[in-house]
Amino acid sequence: MSLLLSNGARKLKHRDLPVLWFLTDEARMDDALGVLMSLPRGASVIFRHYGARDRAALAGKLAKACRARGLIFLVADDWRLAARVGADGLHLPEHAAARGPASGARLWRKQRRAWLTVAAHGARGLARARGLAADAVLLAPVFPTQSHPDRMALGLARATALVRRTRVPVLALGGASPHMLPHVRAAGFAGIAGIGFALKRKV
């Protein structure tokens, strides 16, 4: 896995885009730090845990661990928290991306040269990502996923058609796993994002 991360990163204007992105989820994990510690150096972590009562404290703990392990750390939907814990960037769920980042978030991102990723579920979300000058967009769900079992997956063929019309690097979110990386990359994706693959890796 470490070789894929070091040699398979996509070159952006001023940095490499990791191919492996892990999203935290309080409903599916009781030890986010333990899962994070199992990730290979160079991976990226998007901290969600939206409903956690100790969200700020946990974000600080995970941000510190990511710095020590050489992982990129983004906070979802809260640029102030991202700034407070020294995060590497901000992730916007699709509903937040539709509003666009707040002026404070745009200023922080410019000063910090922070990452910006956004979520998308179709062509409109992908187009929005380009307008926001996002570093990457997470397209979901590409495959059937345990996180949203009632949501119909796009399927690789349909997702590939969307990716090929998009200039922003696209990450496959939902049901993807590291062993699928060669096929996903061949379809035009920059990498994969998810939850389940990291939980299995920890086990």
N, C-alpha and C. Protein backbone atom coordinates (compact mmCIF):
# COMPACT_ATOMS: atom_id res chain seq x y z
N MET A 1 0.82 -1.21 0.00
CA MET A 1 0.00 0.00 0.00
C MET A 1 0.86 1.26 0.00
N SER A 2 1.94 1.27 0.77
CA SER A 2 2.78 2.46 0.85
C SER A 2 3.37 2.80 -0.51
N LEU A 3 3.69 1.76 -1.32
CA LEU A 3 4.23 2.01 -2.65
C LEU A 3 3.20 2.67 -3.54
N LEU A 4 1.95 2.24 -3.43
CA LEU A 4 0.90 2.86 -4.22
C LEU A 4 0.76 4.33 -3.86
N LEU A 5 0.89 4.63 -2.58
CA LEU A 5 0.74 6.00 -2.14
C LEU A 5 1.90 6.87 -2.58
N SER A 6 3.11 6.34 -2.50
CA SER A 6 4.26 7.16 -2.82
C SER A 6 4.46 7.31 -4.33
N ASN A 7 4.13 6.26 -5.09
CA ASN A 7 4.38 6.30 -6.52
C ASN A 7 3.14 6.60 -7.35
N GLY A 8 1.97 6.45 -6.75
CA GLY A 8 0.75 6.59 -7.52
C GLY A 8 0.02 7.90 -7.31
N ALA A 9 0.62 8.83 -6.54
CA ALA A 9 -0.05 10.10 -6.29
C ALA A 9 -0.17 10.92 -7.56
N ARG A 10 -1.26 11.64 -7.66
CA ARG A 10 -1.47 12.51 -8.81
C ARG A 10 -0.88 13.89 -8.53
N LYS A 11 -0.07 14.40 -9.43
CA LYS A 11 0.61 15.68 -9.22
C LYS A 11 -0.33 16.84 -9.47
N LEU A 12 -0.49 17.69 -8.46
CA LEU A 12 -1.25 18.92 -8.60
C LEU A 12 -0.26 20.06 -8.81
N LYS A 13 -0.75 21.29 -8.78
CA LYS A 13 0.13 22.43 -9.05
C LYS A 13 1.25 22.54 -8.02
N HIS A 14 0.94 22.25 -6.75
CA HIS A 14 1.95 22.47 -5.73
C HIS A 14 2.06 21.31 -4.74
N ARG A 15 1.47 20.17 -5.05
CA ARG A 15 1.55 19.03 -4.13
C ARG A 15 1.01 17.78 -4.81
N ASP A 16 1.21 16.67 -4.14
CA ASP A 16 0.71 15.40 -4.64
C ASP A 16 -0.62 15.07 -3.98
N LEU A 17 -1.53 14.54 -4.76
CA LEU A 17 -2.83 14.14 -4.24
C LEU A 17 -2.77 12.67 -3.83
N PRO A 18 -3.00 12.36 -2.56
CA PRO A 18 -2.98 10.95 -2.14
C PRO A 18 -4.03 10.14 -2.89
N VAL A 19 -3.78 8.85 -3.01
CA VAL A 19 -4.75 7.98 -3.67
C VAL A 19 -5.69 7.32 -2.65
N LEU A 20 -5.35 7.40 -1.38
CA LEU A 20 -6.15 6.74 -0.35
C LEU A 20 -6.66 7.75 0.67
N TRP A 21 -8.00 7.83 0.81
CA TRP A 21 -8.64 8.80 1.70
C TRP A 21 -9.59 8.07 2.65
N PHE A 22 -9.41 8.31 3.94
CA PHE A 22 -10.22 7.67 4.96
C PHE A 22 -11.15 8.69 5.60
N LEU A 23 -12.43 8.34 5.73
CA LEU A 23 -13.43 9.20 6.37
C LEU A 23 -13.79 8.63 7.73
N THR A 24 -13.73 9.43 8.77
CA THR A 24 -14.13 8.94 10.08
C THR A 24 -15.65 8.93 10.17
N ASP A 25 -16.18 8.06 11.04
CA ASP A 25 -17.62 7.90 11.16
C ASP A 25 -17.93 7.38 12.56
N GLU A 26 -18.61 8.20 13.37
CA GLU A 26 -18.87 7.79 14.76
C GLU A 26 -19.83 6.62 14.86
N ALA A 27 -20.65 6.42 13.82
CA ALA A 27 -21.62 5.32 13.87
C ALA A 27 -20.97 3.97 13.62
N ARG A 28 -19.83 3.96 12.94
CA ARG A 28 -19.22 2.69 12.56
C ARG A 28 -17.88 2.41 13.25
N MET A 29 -17.43 3.33 14.09
CA MET A 29 -16.16 3.08 14.77
C MET A 29 -16.18 3.72 16.15
N ASP A 30 -15.63 2.99 17.11
CA ASP A 30 -15.53 3.53 18.46
C ASP A 30 -14.10 3.88 18.82
N ASP A 31 -13.19 3.71 17.86
CA ASP A 31 -11.79 4.01 18.10
C ASP A 31 -11.18 4.61 16.84
N ALA A 32 -11.53 5.86 16.57
CA ALA A 32 -11.03 6.52 15.36
C ALA A 32 -9.51 6.61 15.37
N LEU A 33 -8.93 6.85 16.53
CA LEU A 33 -7.47 6.96 16.61
C LEU A 33 -6.81 5.64 16.27
N GLY A 34 -7.38 4.55 16.76
CA GLY A 34 -6.82 3.24 16.45
C GLY A 34 -6.86 2.92 14.97
N VAL A 35 -7.96 3.29 14.31
CA VAL A 35 -8.08 3.06 12.87
C VAL A 35 -7.05 3.91 12.13
N LEU A 36 -6.96 5.16 12.54
CA LEU A 36 -6.01 6.08 11.91
C LEU A 36 -4.58 5.55 11.99
N MET A 37 -4.24 4.96 13.13
CA MET A 37 -2.88 4.47 13.33
C MET A 37 -2.56 3.29 12.42
N SER A 38 -3.56 2.67 11.82
CA SER A 38 -3.33 1.54 10.93
C SER A 38 -3.14 1.98 9.48
N LEU A 39 -3.33 3.26 9.19
CA LEU A 39 -3.23 3.74 7.81
C LEU A 39 -1.77 3.92 7.40
N PRO A 40 -1.47 3.71 6.13
CA PRO A 40 -0.09 3.89 5.66
C PRO A 40 0.26 5.37 5.55
N ARG A 41 1.52 5.67 5.73
CA ARG A 41 2.02 7.03 5.61
C ARG A 41 1.65 7.59 4.24
N GLY A 42 1.20 8.85 4.21
CA GLY A 42 0.84 9.49 2.96
C GLY A 42 -0.64 9.46 2.65
N ALA A 43 -1.41 8.70 3.43
CA ALA A 43 -2.87 8.67 3.24
C ALA A 43 -3.48 9.97 3.76
N SER A 44 -4.74 10.18 3.46
CA SER A 44 -5.44 11.38 3.92
C SER A 44 -6.63 10.98 4.78
N VAL A 45 -6.91 11.78 5.80
CA VAL A 45 -8.00 11.54 6.73
C VAL A 45 -8.97 12.71 6.69
N ILE A 46 -10.25 12.43 6.49
CA ILE A 46 -11.29 13.46 6.57
C ILE A 46 -12.06 13.21 7.86
N PHE A 47 -11.95 14.13 8.79
CA PHE A 47 -12.59 13.99 10.10
C PHE A 47 -14.02 14.48 10.02
N ARG A 48 -14.97 13.57 10.24
CA ARG A 48 -16.38 13.93 10.26
C ARG A 48 -16.90 13.92 11.70
N HIS A 49 -17.33 12.80 12.22
CA HIS A 49 -17.81 12.72 13.61
C HIS A 49 -18.69 13.94 13.94
N TYR A 50 -19.66 14.20 13.08
CA TYR A 50 -20.48 15.41 13.21
C TYR A 50 -21.23 15.48 14.55
N GLY A 51 -21.67 14.34 15.06
CA GLY A 51 -22.50 14.36 16.25
C GLY A 51 -21.74 14.13 17.55
N ALA A 52 -20.43 14.03 17.50
CA ALA A 52 -19.65 13.75 18.70
C ALA A 52 -19.67 14.95 19.65
N ARG A 53 -19.95 14.68 20.93
CA ARG A 53 -19.98 15.76 21.91
C ARG A 53 -18.59 16.36 22.13
N ASP A 54 -17.57 15.53 21.98
CA ASP A 54 -16.20 15.98 22.17
C ASP A 54 -15.49 16.19 20.84
N ARG A 55 -16.25 16.66 19.84
CA ARG A 55 -15.71 16.74 18.47
C ARG A 55 -14.42 17.56 18.41
N ALA A 56 -14.39 18.72 19.07
CA ALA A 56 -13.21 19.57 19.00
C ALA A 56 -11.99 18.89 19.62
N ALA A 57 -12.19 18.27 20.78
CA ALA A 57 -11.08 17.60 21.45
C ALA A 57 -10.57 16.43 20.63
N LEU A 58 -11.50 15.66 20.05
CA LEU A 58 -11.11 14.52 19.24
C LEU A 58 -10.40 14.97 17.97
N ALA A 59 -10.87 16.06 17.38
CA ALA A 59 -10.22 16.59 16.18
C ALA A 59 -8.78 16.98 16.50
N GLY A 60 -8.57 17.61 17.64
CA GLY A 60 -7.22 17.99 18.03
C GLY A 60 -6.32 16.79 18.21
N LYS A 61 -6.84 15.75 18.83
CA LYS A 61 -6.06 14.53 19.07
C LYS A 61 -5.69 13.84 17.75
N LEU A 62 -6.67 13.76 16.84
CA LEU A 62 -6.40 13.11 15.55
C LEU A 62 -5.48 13.95 14.68
N ALA A 63 -5.62 15.27 14.73
CA ALA A 63 -4.74 16.14 13.95
C ALA A 63 -3.29 15.95 14.39
N LYS A 64 -3.08 15.87 15.69
CA LYS A 64 -1.72 15.66 16.22
C LYS A 64 -1.16 14.31 15.78
N ALA A 65 -2.00 13.28 15.84
CA ALA A 65 -1.56 11.95 15.42
C ALA A 65 -1.23 11.91 13.93
N CYS A 66 -2.02 12.62 13.14
CA CYS A 66 -1.76 12.66 11.69
C CYS A 66 -0.43 13.33 11.39
N ARG A 67 -0.14 14.41 12.07
CA ARG A 67 1.14 15.09 11.86
C ARG A 67 2.30 14.16 12.20
N ALA A 68 2.15 13.41 13.28
CA ALA A 68 3.22 12.51 13.71
C ALA A 68 3.41 11.35 12.72
N ARG A 69 2.34 10.93 12.06
CA ARG A 69 2.40 9.77 11.18
C ARG A 69 2.53 10.12 9.70
N GLY A 70 2.59 11.41 9.38
CA GLY A 70 2.71 11.79 7.98
C GLY A 70 1.44 11.61 7.19
N LEU A 71 0.29 11.84 7.84
CA LEU A 71 -1.01 11.75 7.19
C LEU A 71 -1.58 13.15 6.99
N ILE A 72 -2.33 13.34 5.93
CA ILE A 72 -2.99 14.62 5.67
C ILE A 72 -4.33 14.63 6.40
N PHE A 73 -4.62 15.70 7.12
CA PHE A 73 -5.81 15.76 7.97
C PHE A 73 -6.72 16.91 7.56
N LEU A 74 -7.96 16.58 7.19
CA LEU A 74 -8.96 17.58 6.84
C LEU A 74 -10.14 17.48 7.81
N VAL A 75 -10.76 18.60 8.09
CA VAL A 75 -11.96 18.64 8.93
C VAL A 75 -13.16 18.90 8.04
N ALA A 76 -14.23 18.18 8.26
CA ALA A 76 -15.45 18.34 7.46
C ALA A 76 -16.35 19.42 8.03
N ASP A 77 -16.75 20.33 7.15
CA ASP A 77 -17.84 21.28 7.40
C ASP A 77 -17.62 22.21 8.60
N ASP A 78 -16.39 22.54 8.94
CA ASP A 78 -16.13 23.48 10.04
C ASP A 78 -14.73 24.05 9.88
N TRP A 79 -14.60 25.15 9.14
CA TRP A 79 -13.28 25.69 8.88
C TRP A 79 -12.65 26.28 10.14
N ARG A 80 -13.48 26.76 11.06
CA ARG A 80 -12.93 27.30 12.31
C ARG A 80 -12.26 26.21 13.13
N LEU A 81 -12.89 25.05 13.20
CA LEU A 81 -12.29 23.93 13.89
C LEU A 81 -11.03 23.48 13.16
N ALA A 82 -11.08 23.46 11.84
CA ALA A 82 -9.91 23.09 11.05
C ALA A 82 -8.74 24.03 11.36
N ALA A 83 -9.02 25.32 11.43
CA ALA A 83 -7.97 26.30 11.73
C ALA A 83 -7.46 26.11 13.16
N ARG A 84 -8.37 25.83 14.09
CA ARG A 84 -7.99 25.72 15.50
C ARG A 84 -7.05 24.54 15.74
N VAL A 85 -7.26 23.44 15.06
CA VAL A 85 -6.43 22.26 15.31
C VAL A 85 -5.27 22.15 14.33
N GLY A 86 -5.10 23.15 13.47
CA GLY A 86 -3.99 23.12 12.52
C GLY A 86 -4.17 22.08 11.43
N ALA A 87 -5.40 21.89 11.00
CA ALA A 87 -5.67 20.91 9.95
C ALA A 87 -5.05 21.33 8.62
N ASP A 88 -4.88 20.35 7.75
CA ASP A 88 -4.31 20.62 6.43
C ASP A 88 -5.35 21.12 5.44
N GLY A 89 -6.63 21.02 5.81
CA GLY A 89 -7.65 21.46 4.88
C GLY A 89 -9.06 21.27 5.38
N LEU A 90 -9.99 21.55 4.49
CA LEU A 90 -11.42 21.53 4.79
C LEU A 90 -12.14 20.65 3.77
N HIS A 91 -13.10 19.87 4.25
CA HIS A 91 -13.95 19.08 3.36
C HIS A 91 -15.39 19.59 3.47
N LEU A 92 -16.04 19.77 2.34
CA LEU A 92 -17.42 20.24 2.32
C LEU A 92 -18.35 19.13 1.83
N PRO A 93 -19.31 18.71 2.67
CA PRO A 93 -20.37 17.82 2.17
C PRO A 93 -21.11 18.53 1.04
N GLU A 94 -21.89 17.79 0.27
CA GLU A 94 -22.51 18.40 -0.91
C GLU A 94 -23.43 19.57 -0.54
N HIS A 95 -24.18 19.48 0.54
CA HIS A 95 -25.07 20.58 0.89
C HIS A 95 -24.28 21.83 1.27
N ALA A 96 -23.10 21.66 1.90
CA ALA A 96 -22.26 22.80 2.24
C ALA A 96 -21.57 23.35 1.01
N ALA A 97 -21.18 22.46 0.09
CA ALA A 97 -20.54 22.91 -1.14
C ALA A 97 -21.51 23.75 -1.97
N ALA A 98 -22.80 23.42 -1.90
CA ALA A 98 -23.80 24.18 -2.64
C ALA A 98 -23.85 25.63 -2.17
N ARG A 99 -23.61 25.87 -0.88
CA ARG A 99 -23.56 27.23 -0.35
C ARG A 99 -22.21 27.88 -0.65
N GLY A 100 -21.18 27.05 -0.75
CA GLY A 100 -19.84 27.57 -0.96
C GLY A 100 -19.19 27.88 0.37
N PRO A 101 -17.84 27.89 0.42
CA PRO A 101 -17.15 28.20 1.66
C PRO A 101 -17.40 29.62 2.11
N ALA A 102 -17.45 29.84 3.42
CA ALA A 102 -17.61 31.18 3.97
C ALA A 102 -16.38 32.01 3.64
N SER A 103 -16.53 33.33 3.73
CA SER A 103 -15.40 34.22 3.41
C SER A 103 -14.21 33.93 4.31
N GLY A 104 -14.50 33.63 5.59
CA GLY A 104 -13.41 33.29 6.50
C GLY A 104 -12.68 32.03 6.08
N ALA A 105 -13.43 31.06 5.59
CA ALA A 105 -12.83 29.82 5.12
C ALA A 105 -11.96 30.06 3.90
N ARG A 106 -12.43 30.90 2.99
CA ARG A 106 -11.63 31.20 1.80
C ARG A 106 -10.34 31.90 2.17
N LEU A 107 -10.39 32.83 3.12
CA LEU A 107 -9.19 33.54 3.55
C LEU A 107 -8.23 32.58 4.24
N TRP A 108 -8.77 31.74 5.14
CA TRP A 108 -7.92 30.77 5.83
C TRP A 108 -7.25 29.83 4.85
N ARG A 109 -8.02 29.37 3.87
CA ARG A 109 -7.45 28.45 2.89
C ARG A 109 -6.32 29.12 2.10
N LYS A 110 -6.52 30.36 1.73
CA LYS A 110 -5.50 31.06 0.96
C LYS A 110 -4.23 31.27 1.79
N GLN A 111 -4.39 31.68 3.04
CA GLN A 111 -3.24 31.93 3.90
C GLN A 111 -2.51 30.64 4.25
N ARG A 112 -3.27 29.59 4.45
CA ARG A 112 -2.70 28.31 4.89
C ARG A 112 -2.30 27.43 3.71
N ARG A 113 -2.74 27.82 2.51
CA ARG A 113 -2.60 26.98 1.32
C ARG A 113 -3.24 25.62 1.62
N ALA A 114 -4.41 25.68 2.23
CA ALA A 114 -5.08 24.48 2.72
C ALA A 114 -5.80 23.74 1.60
N TRP A 115 -5.93 22.44 1.81
CA TRP A 115 -6.68 21.61 0.88
C TRP A 115 -8.17 21.95 0.95
N LEU A 116 -8.86 21.73 -0.15
CA LEU A 116 -10.32 21.79 -0.17
C LEU A 116 -10.82 20.60 -0.97
N THR A 117 -11.63 19.79 -0.33
CA THR A 117 -12.31 18.70 -1.03
C THR A 117 -13.81 18.88 -0.85
N VAL A 118 -14.57 18.39 -1.82
CA VAL A 118 -16.03 18.50 -1.73
C VAL A 118 -16.64 17.16 -2.13
N ALA A 119 -17.85 16.93 -1.65
CA ALA A 119 -18.59 15.72 -2.00
C ALA A 119 -19.55 16.00 -3.14
N ALA A 120 -19.78 14.99 -3.96
CA ALA A 120 -20.72 15.12 -5.08
C ALA A 120 -21.41 13.78 -5.30
N HIS A 121 -22.64 13.86 -5.79
CA HIS A 121 -23.40 12.64 -6.09
C HIS A 121 -23.81 12.58 -7.56
N GLY A 122 -23.31 13.50 -8.35
CA GLY A 122 -23.65 13.51 -9.76
C GLY A 122 -22.95 14.64 -10.49
N ALA A 123 -23.39 14.89 -11.73
CA ALA A 123 -22.73 15.87 -12.59
C ALA A 123 -22.76 17.28 -12.02
N ARG A 124 -23.87 17.67 -11.39
CA ARG A 124 -23.96 19.02 -10.84
C ARG A 124 -22.92 19.24 -9.74
N GLY A 125 -22.76 18.27 -8.87
CA GLY A 125 -21.78 18.38 -7.81
C GLY A 125 -20.36 18.41 -8.34
N LEU A 126 -20.09 17.65 -9.38
CA LEU A 126 -18.76 17.65 -9.98
C LEU A 126 -18.45 19.01 -10.61
N ALA A 127 -19.42 19.59 -11.28
CA ALA A 127 -19.23 20.91 -11.88
C ALA A 127 -19.00 21.96 -10.80
N ARG A 128 -19.73 21.84 -9.70
CA ARG A 128 -19.57 22.78 -8.59
C ARG A 128 -18.16 22.73 -8.01
N ALA A 129 -17.60 21.54 -7.95
CA ALA A 129 -16.25 21.38 -7.41
C ALA A 129 -15.24 22.19 -8.21
N ARG A 130 -15.40 22.19 -9.51
CA ARG A 130 -14.49 22.97 -10.34
C ARG A 130 -14.66 24.45 -10.07
N GLY A 131 -15.90 24.91 -9.92
CA GLY A 131 -16.14 26.32 -9.64
C GLY A 131 -15.56 26.76 -8.31
N LEU A 132 -15.46 25.84 -7.36
CA LEU A 132 -14.89 26.15 -6.05
C LEU A 132 -13.38 25.99 -6.02
N ALA A 133 -12.80 25.59 -7.14
CA ALA A 133 -11.35 25.35 -7.23
C ALA A 133 -10.92 24.31 -6.21
N ALA A 134 -11.73 23.26 -6.06
CA ALA A 134 -11.41 22.19 -5.12
C ALA A 134 -10.20 21.40 -5.60
N ASP A 135 -9.45 20.87 -4.64
CA ASP A 135 -8.31 20.02 -4.99
C ASP A 135 -8.78 18.64 -5.43
N ALA A 136 -9.91 18.20 -4.92
CA ALA A 136 -10.46 16.90 -5.29
C ALA A 136 -11.93 16.86 -4.94
N VAL A 137 -12.65 15.97 -5.61
CA VAL A 137 -14.08 15.79 -5.33
C VAL A 137 -14.34 14.31 -5.08
N LEU A 138 -15.11 14.02 -4.04
CA LEU A 138 -15.45 12.65 -3.70
C LEU A 138 -16.81 12.33 -4.32
N LEU A 139 -16.82 11.45 -5.31
CA LEU A 139 -18.05 11.06 -6.00
C LEU A 139 -18.63 9.80 -5.37
N ALA A 140 -19.90 9.86 -4.99
CA ALA A 140 -20.49 8.73 -4.27
C ALA A 140 -21.98 8.56 -4.59
N PRO A 141 -22.46 7.31 -4.37
CA PRO A 141 -21.65 6.10 -4.18
C PRO A 141 -21.34 5.44 -5.52
N VAL A 142 -20.10 5.12 -5.73
CA VAL A 142 -19.72 4.47 -6.98
C VAL A 142 -20.13 3.00 -6.96
N PHE A 143 -19.92 2.35 -5.82
CA PHE A 143 -20.29 0.95 -5.64
C PHE A 143 -21.27 0.84 -4.47
N PRO A 144 -21.99 -0.27 -4.35
CA PRO A 144 -22.87 -0.44 -3.18
C PRO A 144 -22.07 -0.29 -1.89
N THR A 145 -22.65 0.40 -0.92
CA THR A 145 -21.92 0.70 0.30
C THR A 145 -22.75 0.42 1.53
N GLN A 146 -22.10 -0.03 2.58
CA GLN A 146 -22.76 -0.31 3.84
C GLN A 146 -23.25 0.96 4.52
N SER A 147 -22.58 2.08 4.24
CA SER A 147 -22.96 3.34 4.87
C SER A 147 -24.34 3.82 4.42
N HIS A 148 -24.66 3.58 3.14
CA HIS A 148 -25.96 4.00 2.59
C HIS A 148 -26.54 2.85 1.77
N PRO A 149 -27.01 1.79 2.43
CA PRO A 149 -27.50 0.62 1.70
C PRO A 149 -28.74 0.89 0.86
N ASP A 150 -29.47 1.97 1.17
CA ASP A 150 -30.69 2.27 0.44
C ASP A 150 -30.45 3.17 -0.78
N ARG A 151 -29.22 3.61 -0.96
CA ARG A 151 -28.91 4.50 -2.08
C ARG A 151 -28.36 3.70 -3.24
N MET A 152 -28.92 3.90 -4.43
CA MET A 152 -28.46 3.16 -5.60
C MET A 152 -27.08 3.63 -6.02
N ALA A 153 -26.18 2.69 -6.23
CA ALA A 153 -24.82 3.02 -6.65
C ALA A 153 -24.81 3.47 -8.10
N LEU A 154 -23.86 4.35 -8.43
CA LEU A 154 -23.73 4.82 -9.79
C LEU A 154 -23.26 3.71 -10.71
N GLY A 155 -22.40 2.84 -10.19
CA GLY A 155 -21.79 1.82 -11.03
C GLY A 155 -20.56 2.38 -11.72
N LEU A 156 -19.59 1.53 -12.00
CA LEU A 156 -18.33 2.01 -12.54
C LEU A 156 -18.48 2.63 -13.93
N ALA A 157 -19.34 2.08 -14.77
CA ALA A 157 -19.48 2.61 -16.13
C ALA A 157 -20.04 4.03 -16.11
N ARG A 158 -21.10 4.25 -15.35
CA ARG A 158 -21.70 5.59 -15.28
C ARG A 158 -20.76 6.57 -14.59
N ALA A 159 -20.12 6.12 -13.52
CA ALA A 159 -19.19 6.99 -12.80
C ALA A 159 -18.01 7.37 -13.69
N THR A 160 -17.53 6.42 -14.47
CA THR A 160 -16.41 6.70 -15.38
C THR A 160 -16.78 7.76 -16.39
N ALA A 161 -17.99 7.70 -16.92
CA ALA A 161 -18.44 8.71 -17.88
C ALA A 161 -18.45 10.09 -17.24
N LEU A 162 -18.87 10.17 -15.99
CA LEU A 162 -18.87 11.45 -15.28
C LEU A 162 -17.45 11.96 -15.04
N VAL A 163 -16.57 11.05 -14.64
CA VAL A 163 -15.19 11.44 -14.36
C VAL A 163 -14.51 11.99 -15.60
N ARG A 164 -14.76 11.40 -16.73
CA ARG A 164 -14.09 11.80 -17.97
C ARG A 164 -14.54 13.17 -18.47
N ARG A 165 -15.64 13.68 -17.90
CA ARG A 165 -16.09 15.02 -18.25
C ARG A 165 -15.71 16.04 -17.17
N THR A 166 -14.90 15.62 -16.22
CA THR A 166 -14.57 16.46 -15.07
C THR A 166 -13.08 16.76 -15.04
N ARG A 167 -12.73 18.02 -14.82
CA ARG A 167 -11.32 18.40 -14.79
C ARG A 167 -10.73 18.34 -13.39
N VAL A 168 -11.56 18.33 -12.37
CA VAL A 168 -11.07 18.21 -11.00
C VAL A 168 -10.79 16.74 -10.71
N PRO A 169 -9.69 16.41 -10.02
CA PRO A 169 -9.44 15.01 -9.66
C PRO A 169 -10.60 14.43 -8.87
N VAL A 170 -11.04 13.24 -9.25
CA VAL A 170 -12.20 12.61 -8.62
C VAL A 170 -11.77 11.36 -7.87
N LEU A 171 -12.28 11.23 -6.63
CA LEU A 171 -12.04 10.06 -5.80
C LEU A 171 -13.31 9.22 -5.75
N ALA A 172 -13.17 7.92 -5.87
CA ALA A 172 -14.31 7.01 -5.82
C ALA A 172 -14.67 6.73 -4.36
N LEU A 173 -15.85 7.15 -3.95
CA LEU A 173 -16.31 6.95 -2.59
C LEU A 173 -17.49 5.98 -2.59
N GLY A 174 -17.46 5.03 -1.67
CA GLY A 174 -18.57 4.09 -1.54
C GLY A 174 -18.25 2.73 -2.10
N GLY A 175 -17.94 1.79 -1.21
CA GLY A 175 -17.74 0.42 -1.63
C GLY A 175 -16.40 0.11 -2.27
N ALA A 176 -15.51 1.10 -2.38
CA ALA A 176 -14.20 0.87 -3.00
C ALA A 176 -13.22 0.36 -1.96
N SER A 177 -12.27 -0.45 -2.40
CA SER A 177 -11.24 -0.98 -1.50
C SER A 177 -9.90 -0.92 -2.21
N PRO A 178 -8.79 -0.97 -1.46
CA PRO A 178 -7.47 -0.83 -2.07
C PRO A 178 -7.18 -1.81 -3.19
N HIS A 179 -7.68 -3.05 -3.11
CA HIS A 179 -7.38 -4.00 -4.18
C HIS A 179 -8.05 -3.62 -5.49
N MET A 180 -9.01 -2.70 -5.43
CA MET A 180 -9.69 -2.24 -6.64
C MET A 180 -8.98 -1.05 -7.27
N LEU A 181 -7.93 -0.55 -6.64
CA LEU A 181 -7.27 0.66 -7.12
C LEU A 181 -6.85 0.60 -8.59
N PRO A 182 -6.23 -0.47 -9.06
CA PRO A 182 -5.83 -0.50 -10.47
C PRO A 182 -7.00 -0.28 -11.43
N HIS A 183 -8.15 -0.89 -11.13
CA HIS A 183 -9.32 -0.74 -11.99
C HIS A 183 -9.91 0.66 -11.88
N VAL A 184 -9.93 1.18 -10.66
CA VAL A 184 -10.48 2.52 -10.44
C VAL A 184 -9.60 3.58 -11.10
N ARG A 185 -8.29 3.42 -10.96
CA ARG A 185 -7.38 4.38 -11.58
C ARG A 185 -7.47 4.30 -13.11
N ALA A 186 -7.61 3.09 -13.63
CA ALA A 186 -7.72 2.92 -15.08
C ALA A 186 -8.99 3.57 -15.61
N ALA A 187 -10.02 3.67 -14.76
CA ALA A 187 -11.27 4.32 -15.17
C ALA A 187 -11.18 5.84 -15.11
N GLY A 188 -10.08 6.36 -14.59
CA GLY A 188 -9.89 7.81 -14.58
C GLY A 188 -9.95 8.44 -13.20
N PHE A 189 -10.27 7.65 -12.18
CA PHE A 189 -10.30 8.19 -10.83
C PHE A 189 -8.88 8.45 -10.33
N ALA A 190 -8.76 9.45 -9.46
CA ALA A 190 -7.46 9.78 -8.88
C ALA A 190 -7.15 8.89 -7.68
N GLY A 191 -8.16 8.24 -7.12
CA GLY A 191 -7.96 7.39 -5.95
C GLY A 191 -9.29 6.96 -5.38
N ILE A 192 -9.25 6.44 -4.16
CA ILE A 192 -10.46 5.98 -3.50
C ILE A 192 -10.61 6.63 -2.13
N ALA A 193 -11.85 6.73 -1.68
CA ALA A 193 -12.15 7.25 -0.35
C ALA A 193 -13.18 6.33 0.28
N GLY A 194 -13.14 6.21 1.61
CA GLY A 194 -14.12 5.36 2.25
C GLY A 194 -13.88 5.17 3.72
N ILE A 195 -14.66 4.25 4.27
CA ILE A 195 -14.63 3.93 5.70
C ILE A 195 -14.29 2.47 5.91
N GLY A 196 -15.04 1.59 5.23
CA GLY A 196 -14.94 0.16 5.47
C GLY A 196 -13.57 -0.42 5.25
N PHE A 197 -12.83 0.03 4.23
CA PHE A 197 -11.53 -0.57 3.95
C PHE A 197 -10.57 -0.37 5.10
N ALA A 198 -10.68 0.76 5.79
CA ALA A 198 -9.79 1.03 6.92
C ALA A 198 -10.18 0.19 8.14
N LEU A 199 -11.47 -0.04 8.32
CA LEU A 199 -11.91 -0.88 9.43
C LEU A 199 -11.41 -2.31 9.23
N LYS A 200 -11.47 -2.80 8.01
CA LYS A 200 -10.98 -4.15 7.71
C LYS A 200 -9.47 -4.22 7.86
N ARG A 201 -8.79 -3.12 7.49
CA ARG A 201 -7.33 -3.10 7.59
C ARG A 201 -6.90 -3.19 9.05
N LYS A 202 -7.66 -2.52 9.94
CA LYS A 202 -7.32 -2.54 11.36
C LYS A 202 -7.46 -3.95 11.92
N VAL A 203 -8.52 -4.63 11.48
CA VAL A 203 -8.73 -6.01 11.92
C VAL A 203 -7.64 -6.92 11.37
